[in-house]
Amino acid sequence: GYFTRLGSKVSAELKSSARRRRSSVHHLVNMLTADPKYKWRRSRDEVYKALHRKRLLTAWGAVAGAISATLQNEILYKGFEPTSWFMNILKAVNSVATVVCCVGIYGEHWHLVLWERLERHLQ
C-alpha cells in the first residue's frame, strides 16, 4: 500500500525532474545556436580574432605583472618600506595582472577547443 504509492510518487518526481533538466539543456543549446550574438562561434575568422584578442590580453597582463614585480624589487633595494603606499599600488597592479593572465589563459584554452571543433567539423 503506502510504500508502493510513495515509491511511485518518488519515481514519477525523479522522471519529471530529469525531463525538465533535459528540456532546459536542449532549450539552452537551441538558444545559443539561434541567438545572433553567438553566431560568431560558427565563423572561423571570428573565432581566430577572439583567440588573438585573448592572447594579446594575456601577453599584456604578463608584461604589466613583470614590470610591476621588477619595480617592486628595485624600489625595495632602494630602501623603500614594503608597506609604503607606492609598494601597495604595485602589489595591487601585480595581483590584477595575475588575474588577467589567468582569465586570458582560460579564455585562450576555451577558444582553442572551439577552434579545433570547427576544424574537425569543416574537414
Foldseek 3Di string as FASTA:
>chain_A
DVVVVVVVVVVVVVVVVVVVVVVVVVVVVVCLVPPPVNCLLLDLVSLVVQLVVLVVQLVVLVVQLVVLVVVLVVVVVVPDDCPDPVNVVSVVSNVVSVVSNVVSVVSNVVSVVSNVVNVVVVD
